[in-house]
Protein backbone atom coordinates (compact mmCIF):
# COMPACT_ATOMS: atom_id res chain seq x y z
CA MET A 1 -73.62 -164.07 98.00
CA THR A 2 -77.48 -164.03 98.34
CA THR A 3 -80.08 -166.62 99.23
CA ASN A 4 -83.76 -166.82 99.04
CA ALA A 5 -84.01 -166.71 102.84
CA SER A 6 -82.62 -163.16 102.93
CA ASN A 7 -83.47 -159.66 101.81
CA ILE A 8 -79.72 -158.99 101.08
CA VAL A 9 -79.24 -158.56 97.30
CA PHE A 10 -75.47 -158.01 97.29
CA ASP A 11 -72.77 -158.29 99.99
CA ASP A 12 -68.95 -158.27 99.97
CA ILE A 13 -65.83 -156.89 101.75
CA PHE A 14 -64.27 -153.83 100.24
CA THR A 15 -60.88 -152.30 100.76
CA ILE A 16 -60.61 -148.50 100.21
CA SER A 17 -57.99 -147.50 97.51
CA ALA A 18 -58.59 -143.75 97.62
CA ILE A 19 -60.84 -141.06 99.25
CA ASP A 20 -61.67 -137.73 97.52
CA LYS A 21 -59.16 -138.28 94.69
CA GLU A 22 -60.78 -135.47 92.62
CA GLY A 23 -60.69 -133.20 95.70
CA LYS A 24 -63.22 -132.58 98.47
CA LYS A 25 -66.32 -130.83 97.30
CA PHE A 26 -68.51 -130.83 100.56
CA ASP A 27 -67.64 -130.33 104.21
CA ARG A 28 -69.31 -133.46 105.59
CA VAL A 29 -69.33 -135.71 102.61
CA SER A 30 -66.43 -137.72 101.00
CA ARG A 31 -66.32 -140.03 98.06
CA LEU A 32 -64.55 -143.31 98.45
CA TYR A 33 -63.12 -145.69 95.84
CA ALA A 34 -62.87 -149.39 96.81
CA HIS A 35 -62.26 -152.78 95.36
CA SER A 36 -63.86 -155.94 96.70
CA LYS A 37 -62.11 -159.13 97.82
CA ASN A 38 -64.54 -161.78 96.79
CA TYR A 39 -66.24 -160.69 93.58
CA ASP A 40 -63.67 -158.42 92.03
CA MET A 41 -66.15 -155.43 91.99
CA ASP A 42 -65.36 -151.69 91.94
CA LEU A 43 -67.22 -149.33 94.18
CA THR A 44 -67.54 -145.57 94.36
CA LEU A 45 -69.58 -144.28 97.27
CA ASP A 46 -70.46 -140.98 98.81
CA TYR A 47 -70.87 -140.99 102.62
CA ASN A 48 -70.98 -138.74 105.62
CA VAL A 49 -67.48 -138.52 107.15
CA GLU A 50 -68.87 -137.16 110.53
CA LEU A 51 -71.14 -140.06 111.03
CA TYR A 52 -68.87 -142.76 109.70
CA PRO A 53 -65.17 -141.92 109.38
CA LEU A 54 -63.23 -144.15 107.00
CA HIS A 55 -59.58 -144.10 105.98
CA GLU A 56 -57.60 -145.21 102.88
CA GLY A 57 -56.42 -148.86 103.14
CA GLN A 58 -59.27 -149.70 105.49
CA SER A 59 -61.60 -152.61 104.77
CA PHE A 60 -65.35 -152.75 105.45
CA ALA A 61 -68.33 -154.91 104.82
CA LEU A 62 -71.05 -153.64 102.41
CA ALA A 63 -74.44 -155.07 101.98
CA LEU A 64 -77.38 -154.04 99.77
CA ALA A 65 -80.73 -155.04 100.92
CA SER A 66 -84.33 -154.80 99.57
CA SER A 67 -85.68 -154.54 103.10
CA LEU A 68 -84.36 -154.29 106.68
CA ALA A 69 -86.34 -157.33 107.73
CA LYS A 70 -84.10 -160.17 108.82
CA GLY A 71 -86.21 -162.98 107.27
CA PRO A 72 -87.52 -163.29 103.82
CA THR A 73 -90.34 -160.97 102.87
CA ALA A 74 -93.46 -163.15 102.26
CA ALA A 75 -94.85 -162.94 98.75
CA GLY A 76 -98.07 -160.97 98.63
CA GLY A 77 -98.09 -160.75 102.51
CA VAL A 78 -99.13 -164.41 102.85
CA GLY A 79 -98.41 -165.75 106.32
CA ILE A 80 -97.89 -162.30 107.85
CA THR A 81 -100.06 -161.19 110.70
CA GLU A 82 -101.66 -157.73 110.67
CA GLU A 83 -99.39 -156.56 113.47
CA GLU A 84 -96.32 -157.67 111.56
CA ASP A 85 -97.47 -156.00 108.44
CA LYS A 86 -98.21 -152.79 110.22
CA ASP A 87 -94.60 -152.27 111.29
CA ARG A 88 -92.92 -154.26 108.43
CA ASP A 89 -90.48 -151.49 107.40
CA VAL A 90 -90.54 -149.40 110.58
CA TRP A 91 -87.27 -148.19 111.88
CA ARG A 92 -87.08 -145.98 114.80
CA PRO A 93 -83.95 -144.54 116.58
CA ASP A 94 -85.73 -144.90 119.99
CA GLY A 95 -85.57 -148.72 119.81
CA LYS A 96 -89.35 -149.21 119.39
CA GLY A 97 -90.59 -151.37 116.61
CA ARG A 98 -89.16 -154.43 115.12
CA ARG A 99 -85.41 -154.86 114.91
CA GLY A 100 -83.82 -155.88 111.64
CA LEU A 101 -80.64 -155.85 109.63
CA GLU A 102 -79.76 -152.37 110.78
CA GLU A 103 -78.81 -153.91 114.19
CA ASP A 104 -75.87 -155.74 112.58
CA TYR A 105 -74.39 -152.69 110.81
CA GLU A 106 -72.89 -149.34 111.89
CA TYR A 107 -74.04 -147.06 108.91
CA VAL A 108 -77.32 -147.50 107.03
CA MET A 109 -78.80 -145.34 104.18
CA TYR A 110 -82.01 -145.81 102.16
CA GLY A 111 -82.26 -145.06 98.45
CA LYS A 112 -83.19 -146.10 95.00
CA VAL A 113 -81.52 -147.88 92.14
CA TYR A 114 -81.83 -145.18 89.39
CA ARG A 115 -79.62 -146.52 86.58
CA PHE A 116 -78.33 -149.82 85.39
CA ASP A 117 -75.65 -149.81 82.50
CA GLY A 118 -75.04 -153.00 80.60
CA GLY A 119 -71.59 -151.84 79.44
CA THR A 120 -70.01 -154.98 77.93
CA ALA A 121 -71.96 -158.27 78.03
CA GLU A 122 -70.02 -159.43 81.12
CA ILE A 123 -69.45 -156.13 83.09
CA VAL A 124 -72.31 -154.03 84.33
CA THR A 125 -72.68 -150.92 86.58
CA ALA A 126 -75.49 -150.23 89.02
CA TYR A 127 -76.16 -146.75 90.29
CA ALA A 128 -78.09 -145.83 93.36
CA SER A 129 -78.92 -142.59 95.13
CA PHE A 130 -79.26 -142.24 98.89
CA GLY A 131 -80.69 -138.73 99.25
CA GLY A 132 -78.09 -137.34 96.88
CA LEU A 133 -75.23 -139.45 98.14
CA LEU A 134 -74.35 -141.67 95.22
CA LEU A 135 -73.23 -145.26 94.75
CA SER A 136 -71.65 -146.81 91.65
CA LEU A 137 -71.03 -150.63 91.68
CA THR A 138 -69.19 -152.15 88.79
CA GLY A 139 -68.47 -155.83 88.02
CA SER A 140 -69.75 -159.03 86.69
CA PHE A 141 -73.46 -159.16 86.03
CA ARG A 142 -73.56 -162.58 87.74
CA HIS A 143 -73.10 -160.99 91.18
CA MET A 144 -75.75 -158.23 90.54
CA THR A 145 -78.70 -160.22 89.25
CA SER A 146 -80.88 -159.33 92.34
CA ILE A 147 -80.26 -155.54 91.90
CA VAL A 148 -83.27 -154.23 89.95
CA LEU A 149 -83.66 -150.84 88.28
CA GLY A 150 -86.23 -148.63 90.08
CA ASP A 151 -86.23 -150.69 93.28
CA PRO A 152 -85.64 -149.23 96.63
CA VAL A 153 -82.46 -150.29 98.36
CA TYR A 154 -80.75 -150.08 101.73
CA ILE A 155 -76.96 -149.85 101.99
CA LEU A 156 -75.43 -151.23 105.19
CA LEU A 157 -71.77 -150.78 106.21
CA ARG A 158 -69.64 -152.05 109.04
CA LYS A 159 -65.96 -152.18 109.70
């Protein structure tokens, strides 16, 4: 799943089981329900259907990352030059600045982990908000040990 050499805190492949099963509430936003292939996780995610159309039965790769930098983030900035630190988390649509994980994915959002429910001892749920678009990820705590309450998070999707 994750390694120390990466900023990715969770990744898996999900298959969509339903979209908008409680009805569509917004014009450009849908809520998908999916189940993962590798880690037996359940996902509920709000996403922009105009920017990233998805369909029931379709599979997609999902990654959660603490930063868009491709390599590990150096602890305390040790070993990072002043120029690298200046544009560490810069993302620009005009292609200027450093390129990172966003180059490998088709849909990227930035948000924050706002809730973490323990549920049973084995099964936990992490909640994140991406500017009002919500994520709920439920499954074994073993696969979500790197997801930390209050931390910023990027969600990255690709078909």
